[in-house]
Amino acid sequence: MTRLKDFIRFLGSYGLSVVLLLTLLLLVFFGTLEQTRIGLYEAQQKYFESFFLVHRLFGRLPVPLPGGYLLLALVFVSMLIGAVIRAPKRLSRPGLLIAHTGILMLILAGFVGYHYSISGNMPLYEGDSGRSIRSYYDWEIQITEMDPADSGLRFIIPQEQFQDCTGERTAVFRHDSLPFQLETGPCYLNSVVEQGNGPAAVEGVILRAAEPAQSAEMNVPGIFVTLSGDASEKGLLWGMEKAPWLIQANGRNYTIALKRREWALPFILTLNAFTHEKHPGTELPSAFTSRLTLQDGDASRDVVIRMNEPLRHRGYTFYQASWGPANAQEGEPLYSVLAVTRNRAAQWPLYASCLISFGLILHYGQVLFRYLKRGRAETHA
């Protein structure tokens, strides 16, 4: 019992809190520098979403460090024990307790946002309707049954289940409703298609691994797949393929494609008009505006999304992100790209900031009041 109390006392100690915060500061410094070399997404995953990592100091010396995820978890536990549970509770001095509660809420908001939020985009041409959003980074294998009568029954294999199929490693996927099984491997994070021969060639075409792009959303993955069962074929799935792979098995038609991960929306957005303005005398855009119709069940309404004026509906937030195609000619159809997020803890940082501000104002207000009161007492004495 004594050892347990000592351990809990250590977790809530000021010394541990200082070490954790200094290590977190060092991690932010290293991660910010590495962002220019490996890109934002890779730096975020390596430094801030990991438990442990190895940083190459000066590009050579390996330095093992705890990851941002682990550090924030330890900061949360240390602050919960030291500043809330074990700290003396005084009704006359509630400010620090309120402020620390706000900090804990801020860390908790990051945890909920990391695990339960989604983010992606929705590109729309004028007249098009969007029912789903696409991920920036995550991919999936979609197997769609086309018969009978385009039933659209879809089987999804998420990226986490095949992304480690490198070299000789493979993964096999099967489902009771499918008359075949699918084996993946090798898989390339970024790839190009070119002519070639060999055991991994399909009709004179092979996948070749390419260097990962600095911007992770520019990566185009590719996978070599083998079907067995009622369909015995080999194929290549590539992220930039315009048409899916069509196969026949057990008298039915199926399509197999490698697509960006999608999330269905509980409503429909239709782009009615898109306009963009440029800075005078330049080709640099100054403003984008999308005019849309939002249909949610039987109700519909017109909405406008501009830069810094997002649309919020049913927990989703739509931002005007960009447009395309790049270098479009006069009269060429344009499309609008909406960035979409859904974060159940989106407003928590605001509430946490209000708590922290209120707690600090209350605490230092009381300190000032006691100081002035003591000064008046000394003057009268």
Protein backbone atom coordinates (compact mmCIF):
# COMPACT_ATOMS: atom_id res chain seq x y z
CA MET A 1 0.00 0.00 0.00
CA THR A 2 2.90 2.35 0.84
CA ARG A 3 4.47 1.76 -2.57
CA LEU A 4 1.17 2.47 -4.27
CA LYS A 5 0.79 5.74 -2.36
CA ASP A 6 4.36 6.72 -3.26
CA PHE A 7 3.70 5.95 -6.91
CA ILE A 8 0.49 8.02 -6.92
CA ARG A 9 2.35 10.84 -5.14
CA PHE A 10 5.05 10.65 -7.84
CA LEU A 11 2.47 10.82 -10.64
CA GLY A 12 0.99 13.97 -9.13
CA SER A 13 4.30 15.64 -8.31
CA TYR A 14 5.42 19.01 -9.62
CA GLY A 15 8.73 17.50 -10.70
CA LEU A 16 7.10 15.02 -13.06
CA SER A 17 4.84 17.73 -14.48
CA VAL A 18 7.84 19.95 -15.25
CA VAL A 19 9.71 17.08 -16.95
CA LEU A 20 6.65 16.16 -19.03
CA LEU A 21 6.03 19.73 -20.16
CA LEU A 22 9.69 20.29 -21.06
CA THR A 23 9.74 17.03 -23.03
CA LEU A 24 6.54 18.09 -24.78
CA LEU A 25 8.17 21.42 -25.66
CA LEU A 26 11.18 19.58 -27.09
CA LEU A 27 8.89 17.30 -29.08
CA VAL A 28 7.03 20.27 -30.58
CA PHE A 29 10.37 21.83 -31.54
CA PHE A 30 11.65 18.67 -33.26
CA GLY A 31 8.31 17.98 -34.93
CA THR A 32 8.09 21.52 -36.32
CA LEU A 33 11.57 21.25 -37.83
CA GLU A 34 10.86 17.82 -39.32
CA GLN A 35 7.62 19.06 -40.86
CA THR A 36 9.61 20.94 -43.51
CA ARG A 37 11.44 17.73 -44.46
CA ILE A 38 8.84 14.96 -44.29
CA GLY A 39 5.59 16.93 -44.55
CA LEU A 40 2.82 17.87 -42.15
CA TYR A 41 0.97 14.53 -42.11
CA GLU A 42 4.05 12.36 -41.55
CA ALA A 43 5.39 14.70 -38.86
CA GLN A 44 2.04 14.71 -37.11
CA GLN A 45 1.88 10.92 -37.11
CA LYS A 46 5.49 10.42 -36.03
CA TYR A 47 5.77 13.06 -33.32
CA PHE A 48 2.30 13.87 -32.04
CA GLU A 49 0.15 10.75 -32.58
CA SER A 50 2.63 8.12 -31.40
CA PHE A 51 3.61 6.48 -28.13
CA PHE A 52 7.34 6.29 -28.84
CA LEU A 53 9.64 7.50 -31.61
CA VAL A 54 13.29 7.81 -32.54
CA HIS A 55 14.45 11.27 -33.58
CA ARG A 56 17.64 11.55 -35.62
CA LEU A 57 19.54 14.46 -34.08
CA PHE A 58 21.54 16.28 -36.78
CA GLY A 59 20.28 13.58 -39.12
CA ARG A 60 22.46 10.88 -37.54
CA LEU A 61 22.34 10.49 -33.75
CA PRO A 62 19.28 8.40 -32.74
CA VAL A 63 17.41 9.89 -29.76
CA PRO A 64 14.50 7.82 -28.36
CA LEU A 65 11.61 9.98 -27.19
CA PRO A 66 8.08 9.46 -25.90
CA GLY A 67 5.44 10.39 -28.46
CA GLY A 68 2.95 13.22 -28.11
CA TYR A 69 0.05 10.85 -27.44
CA LEU A 70 1.83 9.25 -24.48
CA LEU A 71 3.06 12.58 -23.13
CA LEU A 72 -0.39 14.17 -23.16
CA ALA A 73 -1.87 11.08 -21.49
CA LEU A 74 0.74 11.35 -18.72
CA VAL A 75 0.17 15.12 -18.39
CA PHE A 76 -3.57 14.44 -18.02
CA VAL A 77 -3.02 11.82 -15.30
CA SER A 78 -0.42 13.93 -13.49
CA MET A 79 -2.63 17.03 -13.49
CA LEU A 80 -5.72 15.06 -12.49
CA ILE A 81 -3.93 13.60 -9.48
CA GLY A 82 -1.80 16.56 -8.47
CA ALA A 83 -4.03 19.55 -9.21
CA VAL A 84 -7.52 18.13 -8.73
CA ILE A 85 -7.58 14.98 -6.57
CA ARG A 86 -4.69 15.56 -4.13
CA ALA A 87 -4.74 19.36 -4.09
CA PRO A 88 -6.31 20.94 -1.00
CA LYS A 89 -9.92 21.99 -1.66
CA ARG A 90 -10.60 25.47 -0.39
CA LEU A 91 -13.85 27.24 -1.13
CA SER A 92 -12.02 30.49 -0.55
CA ARG A 93 -9.61 29.73 -3.46
CA PRO A 94 -11.53 27.92 -6.22
CA GLY A 95 -9.82 29.65 -9.14
CA LEU A 96 -6.91 27.26 -9.65
CA LEU A 97 -9.17 24.21 -9.40
CA ILE A 98 -11.44 25.68 -12.10
CA ALA A 99 -8.47 26.58 -14.33
CA HIS A 100 -6.93 23.10 -14.03
CA THR A 101 -10.30 21.53 -14.81
CA GLY A 102 -10.37 23.60 -18.00
CA ILE A 103 -6.89 22.35 -18.98
CA LEU A 104 -8.00 18.75 -18.40
CA MET A 105 -11.04 19.39 -20.58
CA LEU A 106 -8.76 20.78 -23.31
CA ILE A 107 -6.63 17.61 -23.31
CA LEU A 108 -9.76 15.45 -23.27
CA ALA A 109 -11.08 17.37 -26.30
CA GLY A 110 -7.93 16.44 -28.20
CA PHE A 111 -8.41 12.77 -27.28
CA VAL A 112 -12.05 12.72 -28.42
CA GLY A 113 -11.22 14.63 -31.59
CA TYR A 114 -8.37 12.27 -32.48
CA HIS A 115 -10.37 9.09 -32.00
CA TYR A 116 -13.88 10.07 -33.03
CA SER A 117 -13.65 12.91 -35.56
CA ILE A 118 -13.61 12.62 -39.35
CA SER A 119 -12.28 15.00 -41.97
CA GLY A 120 -12.35 14.95 -45.73
CA ASN A 121 -13.54 16.86 -48.75
CA MET A 122 -16.38 17.02 -51.23
CA PRO A 123 -15.60 18.18 -54.79
CA LEU A 124 -18.70 19.28 -56.73
CA TYR A 125 -19.30 20.58 -60.24
CA GLU A 126 -22.27 22.88 -60.76
CA GLY A 127 -25.42 20.75 -60.80
CA ASP A 128 -23.78 17.83 -58.98
CA SER A 129 -25.06 16.49 -55.67
CA GLY A 130 -22.93 15.17 -52.84
CA ARG A 131 -24.06 12.40 -50.48
CA SER A 132 -20.68 11.48 -49.00
CA ILE A 133 -17.28 12.91 -48.13
CA ARG A 134 -13.88 11.52 -49.10
CA SER A 135 -10.87 11.13 -46.85
CA TYR A 136 -7.68 13.05 -47.55
CA TYR A 137 -5.33 10.23 -46.58
CA ASP A 138 -7.16 6.94 -45.97
CA TRP A 139 -8.01 4.44 -48.70
CA GLU A 140 -10.15 1.32 -48.91
CA ILE A 141 -10.83 -1.57 -51.26
CA GLN A 142 -14.45 -1.53 -52.41
CA ILE A 143 -16.01 -4.75 -53.72
CA THR A 144 -19.43 -4.03 -55.20
CA GLU A 145 -21.94 -6.64 -56.36
CA MET A 146 -23.63 -5.41 -59.55
CA ASP A 147 -26.21 -8.22 -59.92
CA PRO A 148 -29.07 -8.60 -59.61
CA ALA A 149 -30.20 -5.31 -61.14
CA ASP A 150 -27.30 -3.24 -59.80
CA SER A 151 -28.02 -4.14 -56.19
CA GLY A 152 -24.99 -2.12 -55.09
CA LEU A 153 -24.17 -4.46 -52.19
CA ARG A 154 -20.73 -3.27 -51.15
CA PHE A 155 -17.96 -4.91 -49.14
CA ILE A 156 -15.27 -2.67 -47.67
CA ILE A 157 -11.68 -3.57 -46.76
CA PRO A 158 -10.15 -0.64 -44.81
CA GLN A 159 -6.59 0.48 -45.37
CA GLU A 160 -5.44 -0.70 -41.94
CA GLN A 161 -5.97 -4.31 -43.01
CA PHE A 162 -3.77 -4.27 -46.13
CA GLN A 163 -1.28 -1.39 -45.79
CA ASP A 164 1.33 -3.61 -44.10
CA CYS A 165 1.40 -6.08 -47.01
CA THR A 166 4.88 -5.14 -48.19
CA GLY A 167 7.55 -7.39 -49.63
CA GLU A 168 6.50 -11.02 -49.19
CA ARG A 169 3.74 -10.26 -46.67
CA THR A 170 0.18 -10.84 -47.84
CA ALA A 171 -3.33 -10.73 -46.38
CA VAL A 172 -6.37 -12.80 -47.34
CA PHE A 173 -9.94 -11.51 -47.14
CA ARG A 174 -13.08 -13.59 -47.43
CA HIS A 175 -16.79 -13.16 -46.73
CA ASP A 176 -19.60 -15.70 -46.65
CA SER A 177 -21.55 -13.64 -49.21
CA LEU A 178 -18.68 -13.55 -51.71
CA PRO A 179 -17.97 -16.52 -54.03
CA PHE A 180 -14.25 -15.74 -54.03
CA GLN A 181 -11.48 -14.69 -51.68
CA LEU A 182 -9.06 -11.84 -52.24
CA GLU A 183 -5.36 -11.87 -51.41
CA THR A 184 -3.45 -8.59 -51.30
CA GLY A 185 0.27 -7.97 -51.59
CA PRO A 186 2.51 -6.32 -52.22
CA CYS A 187 1.03 -2.90 -51.41
CA TYR A 188 2.75 0.42 -52.15
CA LEU A 189 1.99 3.63 -50.25
CA ASN A 190 2.79 5.64 -53.38
CA SER A 191 3.07 4.06 -56.81
CA VAL A 192 3.13 4.54 -60.56
CA VAL A 193 1.93 2.26 -63.35
CA GLU A 194 4.29 1.31 -66.15
CA GLN A 195 4.85 -1.40 -68.73
CA GLY A 196 6.80 -4.42 -67.60
CA ASN A 197 6.99 -8.18 -67.16
CA GLY A 198 7.34 -10.52 -64.23
CA PRO A 199 5.21 -12.47 -61.73
CA ALA A 200 3.49 -9.26 -60.58
CA ALA A 201 2.66 -8.11 -64.12
CA VAL A 202 -0.93 -8.08 -65.37
CA GLU A 203 -1.36 -7.83 -69.14
CA GLY A 204 2.10 -6.28 -69.50
CA VAL A 205 1.55 -3.69 -66.77
CA ILE A 206 3.24 -3.52 -63.35
CA LEU A 207 3.12 -1.31 -60.29
CA ARG A 208 6.34 0.39 -59.25
CA ALA A 209 6.88 1.90 -55.82
CA ALA A 210 7.48 5.65 -55.79
CA GLU A 211 8.91 7.93 -53.13
CA PRO A 212 6.19 9.04 -50.69
CA ALA A 213 4.97 12.53 -51.49
CA GLN A 214 5.76 15.25 -48.96
CA SER A 215 2.05 16.06 -48.89
CA ALA A 216 0.44 12.75 -47.87
CA GLU A 217 -2.81 13.44 -49.72
CA MET A 218 -0.85 13.38 -53.01
CA ASN A 219 0.16 9.73 -52.52
CA VAL A 220 -1.42 7.27 -54.97
CA PRO A 221 -1.32 3.74 -53.50
CA GLY A 222 -1.30 0.56 -55.54
CA ILE A 223 -1.92 -3.11 -54.68
CA PHE A 224 -1.33 -6.40 -56.46
CA VAL A 225 -4.31 -8.71 -55.79
CA THR A 226 -5.06 -12.36 -56.47
CA LEU A 227 -8.57 -13.84 -56.57
CA SER A 228 -9.28 -17.50 -55.86
CA GLY A 229 -12.44 -19.56 -55.62
CA ASP A 230 -15.16 -19.16 -58.25
CA ALA A 231 -13.02 -16.39 -59.76
CA SER A 232 -9.33 -17.08 -60.34
CA GLU A 233 -7.63 -13.94 -61.59
CA LYS A 234 -4.80 -11.54 -60.90
CA GLY A 235 -5.17 -7.80 -61.02
CA LEU A 236 -3.74 -4.43 -60.11
CA LEU A 237 -5.63 -1.89 -58.03
CA TRP A 238 -4.36 1.67 -58.44
CA GLY A 239 -5.68 4.79 -56.78
CA MET A 240 -5.82 6.82 -60.01
CA GLU A 241 -7.62 4.15 -62.05
CA LYS A 242 -10.65 5.74 -63.72
CA ALA A 243 -12.68 2.53 -64.10
CA PRO A 244 -13.05 -0.31 -61.55
CA TRP A 245 -11.90 -3.87 -62.20
CA LEU A 246 -14.87 -5.90 -63.46
CA ILE A 247 -14.97 -9.64 -62.72
CA GLN A 248 -17.49 -12.46 -62.97
CA ALA A 249 -17.96 -15.10 -60.28
CA ASN A 250 -20.75 -17.63 -59.76
CA GLY A 251 -22.75 -16.05 -62.59
CA ARG A 252 -22.68 -12.57 -61.02
CA ASN A 253 -20.78 -9.39 -61.83
CA TYR A 254 -18.58 -7.59 -59.32
CA THR A 255 -16.41 -4.49 -59.43
CA ILE A 256 -13.26 -4.09 -57.35
CA ALA A 257 -11.64 -0.69 -56.90
CA LEU A 258 -9.16 1.11 -54.68
CA LYS A 259 -10.87 4.32 -53.55
CA ARG A 260 -10.42 6.99 -50.95
CA ARG A 261 -12.33 6.17 -47.81
CA GLU A 262 -15.87 7.54 -47.83
CA TRP A 263 -18.41 8.48 -45.17
CA ALA A 264 -22.08 8.76 -46.07
CA LEU A 265 -23.87 11.98 -45.14
CA PRO A 266 -27.40 11.99 -43.63
CA PHE A 267 -28.36 14.75 -46.08
CA ILE A 268 -27.64 15.92 -49.65
CA LEU A 269 -25.82 19.02 -50.88
CA THR A 270 -26.32 20.23 -54.47
CA LEU A 271 -24.03 22.89 -55.96
CA ASN A 272 -26.14 25.45 -57.82
CA ALA A 273 -23.45 27.99 -58.64
CA PHE A 274 -19.76 28.56 -57.94
CA THR A 275 -17.98 31.88 -58.34
CA HIS A 276 -14.43 32.99 -57.62
CA GLU A 277 -12.77 36.38 -57.66
CA LYS A 278 -9.14 37.24 -58.36
CA HIS A 279 -6.91 39.97 -57.06
CA PRO A 280 -6.74 42.81 -59.62
CA GLY A 281 -4.06 42.25 -62.25
CA THR A 282 -3.16 38.76 -61.02
CA GLU A 283 -4.31 35.17 -61.31
CA LEU A 284 -4.37 34.79 -57.54
CA PRO A 285 -7.85 34.04 -56.17
CA SER A 286 -9.19 36.40 -53.54
CA ALA A 287 -12.56 34.80 -52.73
CA PHE A 288 -14.60 31.66 -53.44
CA THR A 289 -18.34 31.34 -53.08
CA SER A 290 -20.50 28.21 -53.38
CA ARG A 291 -24.28 28.50 -53.54
CA LEU A 292 -25.92 25.21 -52.67
CA THR A 293 -29.20 23.55 -51.82
CA LEU A 294 -29.25 21.48 -48.64
CA GLN A 295 -31.86 18.73 -48.63
CA ASP A 296 -32.43 16.96 -45.33
CA GLY A 297 -35.34 14.56 -45.60
CA ASP A 298 -38.38 16.46 -46.87
CA ALA A 299 -36.92 19.85 -45.93
CA SER A 300 -34.62 21.84 -48.20
CA ARG A 301 -33.06 25.30 -48.08
CA ASP A 302 -30.54 27.38 -49.99
CA VAL A 303 -27.18 27.98 -48.31
CA VAL A 304 -24.03 29.91 -49.16
CA ILE A 305 -20.48 28.88 -48.21
CA ARG A 306 -17.72 31.46 -48.49
CA MET A 307 -14.15 31.73 -47.29
CA ASN A 308 -14.29 32.11 -43.48
CA GLU A 309 -18.07 31.59 -43.60
CA PRO A 310 -18.62 27.83 -43.18
CA LEU A 311 -21.87 25.90 -43.11
CA ARG A 312 -22.70 23.95 -39.95
CA HIS A 313 -25.41 21.30 -40.05
CA ARG A 314 -26.05 18.23 -37.89
CA GLY A 315 -22.56 18.18 -36.44
CA TYR A 316 -20.81 18.62 -39.81
CA THR A 317 -18.90 21.76 -40.79
CA PHE A 318 -18.33 22.63 -44.46
CA TYR A 319 -15.58 25.08 -45.42
CA GLN A 320 -14.83 26.61 -48.80
CA ALA A 321 -11.39 25.07 -49.33
CA SER A 322 -10.40 25.43 -52.98
CA TRP A 323 -11.53 25.00 -56.56
CA GLY A 324 -10.36 23.51 -59.84
CA PRO A 325 -9.19 22.49 -62.28
CA ALA A 326 -5.91 24.34 -61.98
CA ASN A 327 -5.19 26.78 -64.82
CA ALA A 328 -8.74 26.44 -66.11
CA GLN A 329 -9.41 28.19 -69.42
CA GLU A 330 -12.12 30.77 -69.96
CA GLY A 331 -15.52 29.07 -70.11
CA GLU A 332 -14.22 25.73 -68.80
CA PRO A 333 -16.47 24.17 -66.12
CA LEU A 334 -15.15 24.69 -62.60
CA TYR A 335 -15.65 22.59 -59.52
CA SER A 336 -15.78 23.66 -55.89
CA VAL A 337 -13.94 21.74 -53.18
CA LEU A 338 -15.54 21.80 -49.74
CA ALA A 339 -13.51 20.71 -46.73
CA VAL A 340 -15.71 18.76 -44.32
CA THR A 341 -15.17 17.94 -40.66
CA ARG A 342 -17.21 16.30 -37.95
CA ASN A 343 -15.83 16.57 -34.45
CA ARG A 344 -18.05 15.82 -31.48
CA ALA A 345 -15.67 17.81 -29.29
CA ALA A 346 -15.36 20.78 -31.64
CA GLN A 347 -16.73 23.26 -29.09
CA TRP A 348 -14.92 21.76 -26.10
CA PRO A 349 -11.78 23.92 -26.56
CA LEU A 350 -13.99 27.02 -26.43
CA TYR A 351 -15.65 25.85 -23.22
CA ALA A 352 -12.25 24.86 -21.79
CA SER A 353 -10.76 28.26 -22.63
CA CYS A 354 -13.68 29.97 -20.91
CA LEU A 355 -13.14 27.81 -17.81
CA ILE A 356 -9.41 28.52 -17.77
CA SER A 357 -9.94 32.26 -18.23
CA PHE A 358 -12.63 32.40 -15.56
CA GLY A 359 -10.52 30.38 -13.12
CA LEU A 360 -7.42 32.55 -13.60
CA ILE A 361 -9.38 35.81 -13.41
CA LEU A 362 -11.06 34.58 -10.22
CA HIS A 363 -7.78 33.41 -8.69
CA TYR A 364 -5.74 36.53 -9.44
CA GLY A 365 -8.71 38.71 -8.58
CA GLN A 366 -8.78 37.14 -5.13
CA VAL A 367 -5.00 37.54 -4.83
CA LEU A 368 -5.30 41.22 -5.74
CA PHE A 369 -8.20 41.71 -3.34
CA ARG A 370 -6.24 40.12 -0.45
CA TYR A 371 -3.19 42.23 -1.30
CA LEU A 372 -5.19 45.46 -1.30
CA LYS A 373 -6.98 44.46 1.89
CA ARG A 374 -3.68 43.69 3.62
CA GLY A 375 -2.25 47.01 2.42
CA ARG A 376 -5.18 48.96 3.87
CA ALA A 377 -4.86 47.10 7.16
CA GLU A 378 -1.15 47.94 7.41
CA THR A 379 -1.91 51.60 6.61
CA HIS A 380 -4.48 51.87 9.39
CA ALA A 381 -2.12 50.14 11.79
